[in-house]
PDB file of N, CA and C in Angstrom:
ATOM      1  N   MET A   1      35.045   6.960  41.878  1.00  0.00           N
ATOM      2  CA  MET A   1      34.368   7.873  40.992  1.00  0.00           C
ATOM      3  C   MET A   1      35.067   9.230  41.058  1.00  0.00           C
ATOM      4  N   GLU A   2      35.020   9.933  39.948  1.00  0.00           N
ATOM      5  CA  GLU A   2      35.736  11.194  39.843  1.00  0.00           C
ATOM      6  C   GLU A   2      34.834  12.299  39.313  1.00  0.00           C
ATOM      7  N   LEU A   3      35.344  13.513  39.386  1.00  0.00           N
ATOM      8  CA  LEU A   3      34.654  14.681  38.869  1.00  0.00           C
ATOM      9  C   LEU A   3      34.251  14.457  37.411  1.00  0.00           C
ATOM     10  N   TYR A   4      33.027  14.791  37.089  1.00  0.00           N
ATOM     11  CA  TYR A   4      32.426  14.713  35.746  1.00  0.00           C
ATOM     12  C   TYR A   4      32.064  13.307  35.293  1.00  0.00           C
ATOM     13  N   ASP A   5      32.212  12.308  36.172  1.00  0.00           N
ATOM     14  CA  ASP A   5      31.738  10.968  35.831  1.00  0.00           C
ATOM     15  C   ASP A   5      30.209  10.964  35.790  1.00  0.00           C
ATOM     16  N   LEU A   6      29.638  10.161  34.888  1.00  0.00           N
ATOM     17  CA  LEU A   6      28.200   9.939  34.865  1.00  0.00           C
ATOM     18  C   LEU A   6      27.881   8.843  35.864  1.00  0.00           C
ATOM     19  N   VAL A   7      26.850   9.078  36.658  1.00  0.00           N
ATOM     20  CA  VAL A   7      26.426   8.101  37.659  1.00  0.00           C
ATOM     21  C   VAL A   7      24.912   7.962  37.593  1.00  0.00           C
ATOM     22  N   GLU A   8      24.409   6.898  38.192  1.00  0.00           N
ATOM     23  CA  GLU A   8      22.957   6.738  38.269  1.00  0.00           C
ATOM     24  C   GLU A   8      22.562   6.401  39.699  1.00  0.00           C
ATOM     25  N   LEU A   9      21.359   6.823  40.047  1.00  0.00           N
ATOM     26  CA  LEU A   9      20.834   6.575  41.390  1.00  0.00           C
ATOM     27  C   LEU A   9      20.473   5.112  41.573  1.00  0.00           C
ATOM     28  N   ARG A  10      20.826   4.585  42.713  1.00  0.00           N
ATOM     29  CA  ARG A  10      20.421   3.210  43.043  1.00  0.00           C
ATOM     30  C   ARG A  10      18.947   3.178  43.450  1.00  0.00           C
ATOM     31  N   ASP A  11      18.512   4.188  44.194  1.00  0.00           N
ATOM     32  CA  ASP A  11      17.132   4.270  44.677  1.00  0.00           C
ATOM     33  C   ASP A  11      16.566   5.649  44.369  1.00  0.00           C
ATOM     34  N   ALA A  12      15.251   5.730  44.267  1.00  0.00           N
ATOM     35  CA  ALA A  12      14.581   7.004  43.992  1.00  0.00           C
ATOM     36  C   ALA A  12      14.785   7.975  45.156  1.00  0.00           C
ATOM     37  N   ILE A  13      14.745   9.267  44.829  1.00  0.00           N
ATOM     38  CA  ILE A  13      14.724  10.324  45.834  1.00  0.00           C
ATOM     39  C   ILE A  13      13.447  11.121  45.554  1.00  0.00           C
ATOM     40  N   PRO A  14      12.330  10.680  46.133  1.00  0.00           N
ATOM     41  CA  PRO A  14      11.028  11.280  45.814  1.00  0.00           C
ATOM     42  C   PRO A  14      10.958  12.785  46.090  1.00  0.00           C
ATOM     43  N   GLU A  15      11.595  13.249  47.154  1.00  0.00           N
ATOM     44  CA  GLU A  15      11.523  14.675  47.492  1.00  0.00           C
ATOM     45  C   GLU A  15      12.220  15.562  46.455  1.00  0.00           C
ATOM     46  N   GLU A  16      13.053  14.955  45.615  1.00  0.00           N
ATOM     47  CA  GLU A  16      13.722  15.684  44.528  1.00  0.00           C
ATOM     48  C   GLU A  16      13.139  15.313  43.154  1.00  0.00           C
ATOM     49  N   ASN A  17      12.071  14.486  43.161  1.00  0.00           N
ATOM     50  CA  ASN A  17      11.469  13.992  41.906  1.00  0.00           C
ATOM     51  C   ASN A  17      12.469  13.246  41.035  1.00  0.00           C
ATOM     52  N   LEU A  18      13.348  12.476  41.664  1.00  0.00           N
ATOM     53  CA  LEU A  18      14.354  11.710  40.938  1.00  0.00           C
ATOM     54  C   LEU A  18      14.055  10.217  41.096  1.00  0.00           C
ATOM     55  N   PRO A  19      13.787   9.529  39.987  1.00  0.00           N
ATOM     56  CA  PRO A  19      13.516   8.089  40.064  1.00  0.00           C
ATOM     57  C   PRO A  19      14.804   7.281  40.178  1.00  0.00           C
ATOM     58  N   ALA A  20      14.675   6.061  40.643  1.00  0.00           N
ATOM     59  CA  ALA A  20      15.819   5.148  40.627  1.00  0.00           C
ATOM     60  C   ALA A  20      16.299   5.039  39.186  1.00  0.00           C
ATOM     61  N   GLY A  21      17.619   5.045  38.996  1.00  0.00           N
ATOM     62  CA  GLY A  21      18.186   4.957  37.658  1.00  0.00           C
ATOM     63  C   GLY A  21      18.406   6.304  37.000  1.00  0.00           C
ATOM     64  N   ALA A  22      17.969   7.393  37.646  1.00  0.00           N
ATOM     65  CA  ALA A  22      18.201   8.731  37.074  1.00  0.00           C
ATOM     66  C   ALA A  22      19.704   8.935  36.897  1.00  0.00           C
ATOM     67  N   VAL A  23      20.087   9.535  35.773  1.00  0.00           N
ATOM     68  CA  VAL A  23      21.500   9.728  35.445  1.00  0.00           C
ATOM     69  C   VAL A  23      21.880  11.182  35.729  1.00  0.00           C
ATOM     70  N   GLY A  24      23.017  11.347  36.414  1.00  0.00           N
ATOM     71  CA  GLY A  24      23.530  12.672  36.709  1.00  0.00           C
ATOM     72  C   GLY A  24      25.043  12.710  36.549  1.00  0.00           C
ATOM     73  N   THR A  25      25.602  13.895  36.753  1.00  0.00           N
ATOM     74  CA  THR A  25      27.036  14.118  36.609  1.00  0.00           C
ATOM     75  C   THR A  25      27.620  14.578  37.933  1.00  0.00           C
ATOM     76  N   ILE A  26      28.734  13.989  38.331  1.00  0.00           N
ATOM     77  CA  ILE A  26      29.424  14.432  39.541  1.00  0.00           C
ATOM     78  C   ILE A  26      30.043  15.799  39.255  1.00  0.00           C
ATOM     79  N   VAL A  27      29.653  16.797  40.057  1.00  0.00           N
ATOM     80  CA  VAL A  27      30.168  18.148  39.854  1.00  0.00           C
ATOM     81  C   VAL A  27      31.068  18.604  41.001  1.00  0.00           C
ATOM     82  N   HIS A  28      31.114  17.831  42.081  1.00  0.00           N
ATOM     83  CA  HIS A  28      32.020  18.149  43.187  1.00  0.00           C
ATOM     84  C   HIS A  28      32.239  16.882  44.007  1.00  0.00           C
ATOM     85  N   VAL A  29      33.449  16.724  44.508  1.00  0.00           N
ATOM     86  CA  VAL A  29      33.776  15.587  45.383  1.00  0.00           C
ATOM     87  C   VAL A  29      34.122  16.139  46.755  1.00  0.00           C
ATOM     88  N   PHE A  30      33.424  15.648  47.789  1.00  0.00           N
ATOM     89  CA  PHE A  30      33.692  16.025  49.171  1.00  0.00           C
ATOM     90  C   PHE A  30      34.512  14.920  49.824  1.00  0.00           C
ATOM     91  N   HIS A  31      35.585  15.297  50.515  1.00  0.00           N
ATOM     92  CA  HIS A  31      36.407  14.309  51.211  1.00  0.00           C
ATOM     93  C   HIS A  31      36.228  14.384  52.719  1.00  0.00           C
ATOM     94  N   GLN A  32      35.669  15.461  53.213  1.00  0.00           N
ATOM     95  CA  GLN A  32      35.456  15.659  54.651  1.00  0.00           C
ATOM     96  C   GLN A  32      34.026  16.090  54.884  1.00  0.00           C
ATOM     97  N   PRO A  33      33.325  15.685  55.891  1.00  0.00           N
ATOM     98  CA  PRO A  33      33.786  14.780  56.928  1.00  0.00           C
ATOM     99  C   PRO A  33      33.823  13.327  56.480  1.00  0.00           C
ATOM    100  N   GLU A  34      33.173  13.037  55.335  1.00  0.00           N
ATOM    101  CA  GLU A  34      33.254  11.705  54.734  1.00  0.00           C
ATOM    102  C   GLU A  34      33.115  11.858  53.227  1.00  0.00           C
ATOM    103  N   LEU A  35      33.470  10.822  52.489  1.00  0.00           N
ATOM    104  CA  LEU A  35      33.388  10.872  51.034  1.00  0.00           C
ATOM    105  C   LEU A  35      31.934  11.022  50.588  1.00  0.00           C
ATOM    106  N   ALA A  36      31.688  12.004  49.740  1.00  0.00           N
ATOM    107  CA  ALA A  36      30.362  12.228  49.165  1.00  0.00           C
ATOM    108  C   ALA A  36      30.550  12.954  47.832  1.00  0.00           C
ATOM    109  N   TYR A  37      29.498  12.933  47.045  1.00  0.00           N
ATOM    110  CA  TYR A  37      29.544  13.533  45.718  1.00  0.00           C
ATOM    111  C   TYR A  37      28.349  14.453  45.523  1.00  0.00           C
ATOM    112  N   GLU A  38      28.598  15.641  44.992  1.00  0.00           N
ATOM    113  CA  GLU A  38      27.503  16.514  44.558  1.00  0.00           C
ATOM    114  C   GLU A  38      27.185  16.094  43.128  1.00  0.00           C
ATOM    115  N   VAL A  39      25.962  15.660  42.912  1.00  0.00           N
ATOM    116  CA  VAL A  39      25.557  15.155  41.608  1.00  0.00           C
ATOM    117  C   VAL A  39      24.464  16.066  41.050  1.00  0.00           C
ATOM    118  N   GLU A  40      24.672  16.512  39.821  1.00  0.00           N
ATOM    119  CA  GLU A  40      23.701  17.378  39.156  1.00  0.00           C
ATOM    120  C   GLU A  40      22.899  16.557  38.160  1.00  0.00           C
ATOM    121  N   PHE A  41      21.590  16.681  38.260  1.00  0.00           N
ATOM    122  CA  PHE A  41      20.674  16.011  37.347  1.00  0.00           C
ATOM    123  C   PHE A  41      20.042  17.079  36.462  1.00  0.00           C
ATOM    124  N   THR A  42      20.018  16.841  35.152  1.00  0.00           N
ATOM    125  CA  THR A  42      19.501  17.832  34.217  1.00  0.00           C
ATOM    126  C   THR A  42      18.405  17.235  33.340  1.00  0.00           C
ATOM    127  N   ASP A  43      17.639  18.131  32.686  1.00  0.00           N
ATOM    128  CA  ASP A  43      16.645  17.663  31.724  1.00  0.00           C
ATOM    129  C   ASP A  43      17.310  17.522  30.351  1.00  0.00           C
ATOM    130  N   GLU A  44      16.521  17.190  29.353  1.00  0.00           N
ATOM    131  CA  GLU A  44      17.063  16.962  28.004  1.00  0.00           C
ATOM    132  C   GLU A  44      17.679  18.209  27.392  1.00  0.00           C
ATOM    133  N   ASP A  45      17.287  19.384  27.888  1.00  0.00           N
ATOM    134  CA  ASP A  45      17.819  20.647  27.374  1.00  0.00           C
ATOM    135  C   ASP A  45      19.012  21.151  28.189  1.00  0.00           C
ATOM    136  N   GLY A  46      19.448  20.357  29.171  1.00  0.00           N
ATOM    137  CA  GLY A  46      20.599  20.730  29.977  1.00  0.00           C
ATOM    138  C   GLY A  46      20.291  21.617  31.163  1.00  0.00           C
ATOM    139  N   ARG A  47      19.008  21.859  31.432  1.00  0.00           N
ATOM    140  CA  ARG A  47      18.630  22.669  32.590  1.00  0.00           C
ATOM    141  C   ARG A  47      18.686  21.809  33.854  1.00  0.00           C
ATOM    142  N   THR A  48      19.245  22.372  34.904  1.00  0.00           N
ATOM    143  CA  THR A  48      19.372  21.634  36.157  1.00  0.00           C
ATOM    144  C   THR A  48      18.008  21.374  36.772  1.00  0.00           C
ATOM    145  N   LEU A  49      17.751  20.104  37.069  1.00  0.00           N
ATOM    146  CA  LEU A  49      16.532  19.708  37.770  1.00  0.00           C
ATOM    147  C   LEU A  49      16.785  19.638  39.261  1.00  0.00           C
ATOM    148  N   SER A  50      17.972  19.145  39.621  1.00  0.00           N
ATOM    149  CA  SER A  50      18.316  18.973  41.020  1.00  0.00           C
ATOM    150  C   SER A  50      19.819  18.798  41.149  1.00  0.00           C
ATOM    151  N   SER A  51      20.335  19.230  42.276  1.00  0.00           N
ATOM    152  CA  SER A  51      21.737  19.012  42.612  1.00  0.00           C
ATOM    153  C   SER A  51      21.750  18.491  44.041  1.00  0.00           C
ATOM    154  N   VAL A  52      22.269  17.281  44.223  1.00  0.00           N
ATOM    155  CA  VAL A  52      22.138  16.579  45.495  1.00  0.00           C
ATOM    156  C   VAL A  52      23.480  16.009  45.931  1.00  0.00           C
ATOM    157  N   ALA A  53      23.796  16.125  47.215  1.00  0.00           N
ATOM    158  CA  ALA A  53      24.982  15.472  47.778  1.00  0.00           C
ATOM    159  C   ALA A  53      24.618  14.024  48.107  1.00  0.00           C
ATOM    160  N   LEU A  54      25.398  13.095  47.572  1.00  0.00           N
ATOM    161  CA  LEU A  54      25.108  11.671  47.727  1.00  0.00           C
ATOM    162  C   LEU A  54      26.351  10.913  48.162  1.00  0.00           C
ATOM    163  N   THR A  55      26.143   9.866  48.932  1.00  0.00           N
ATOM    164  CA  THR A  55      27.248   9.019  49.366  1.00  0.00           C
ATOM    165  C   THR A  55      27.499   7.939  48.311  1.00  0.00           C
ATOM    166  N   PRO A  56      28.686   7.330  48.337  1.00  0.00           N
ATOM    167  CA  PRO A  56      29.019   6.327  47.315  1.00  0.00           C
ATOM    168  C   PRO A  56      28.022   5.168  47.230  1.00  0.00           C
ATOM    169  N   ASP A  57      27.368   4.814  48.340  1.00  0.00           N
ATOM    170  CA  ASP A  57      26.426   3.692  48.310  1.00  0.00           C
ATOM    171  C   ASP A  57      25.073   4.066  47.701  1.00  0.00           C
ATOM    172  N   GLU A  58      24.843   5.350  47.420  1.00  0.00           N
ATOM    173  CA  GLU A  58      23.583   5.793  46.835  1.00  0.00           C
ATOM    174  C   GLU A  58      23.623   5.882  45.306  1.00  0.00           C
ATOM    175  N   ILE A  59      24.828   5.753  44.732  1.00  0.00           N
ATOM    176  CA  ILE A  59      24.979   5.876  43.283  1.00  0.00           C
ATOM    177  C   ILE A  59      25.885   4.768  42.752  1.00  0.00           C
ATOM    178  N   ARG A  60      25.826   4.579  41.451  1.00  0.00           N
ATOM    179  CA  ARG A  60      26.771   3.664  40.795  1.00  0.00           C
ATOM    180  C   ARG A  60      27.250   4.345  39.523  1.00  0.00           C
ATOM    181  N   GLN A  61      28.493   4.065  39.171  1.00  0.00           N
ATOM    182  CA  GLN A  61      29.092   4.678  37.987  1.00  0.00           C
ATOM    183  C   GLN A  61      28.502   4.060  36.733  1.00  0.00           C
ATOM    184  N   ARG A  62      28.234   4.902  35.751  1.00  0.00           N
ATOM    185  CA  ARG A  62      27.750   4.415  34.455  1.00  0.00           C
ATOM    186  C   ARG A  62      28.925   3.866  33.667  1.00  0.00           C
ATOM    187  N   PRO A  63      28.717   2.766  32.955  1.00  0.00           N
ATOM    188  CA  PRO A  63      29.813   2.203  32.143  1.00  0.00           C
ATOM    189  C   PRO A  63      30.176   3.105  30.977  1.00  0.00           C
TER     190      PRO A  63
END
């Protein structure tokens, strides 16, 4: 996965009010100390709802 790819959550993150399947955009890629992605989730108007660092096993790339 790369910067600006659309991804979706495999499982819900209740503390962020994000359901499983929520779609977000990768806005940063971390390579250290391990691979992770900062994913921004927005509402229909483009306002940020949440920005969360996630590991590759927590998301899947949208086709």
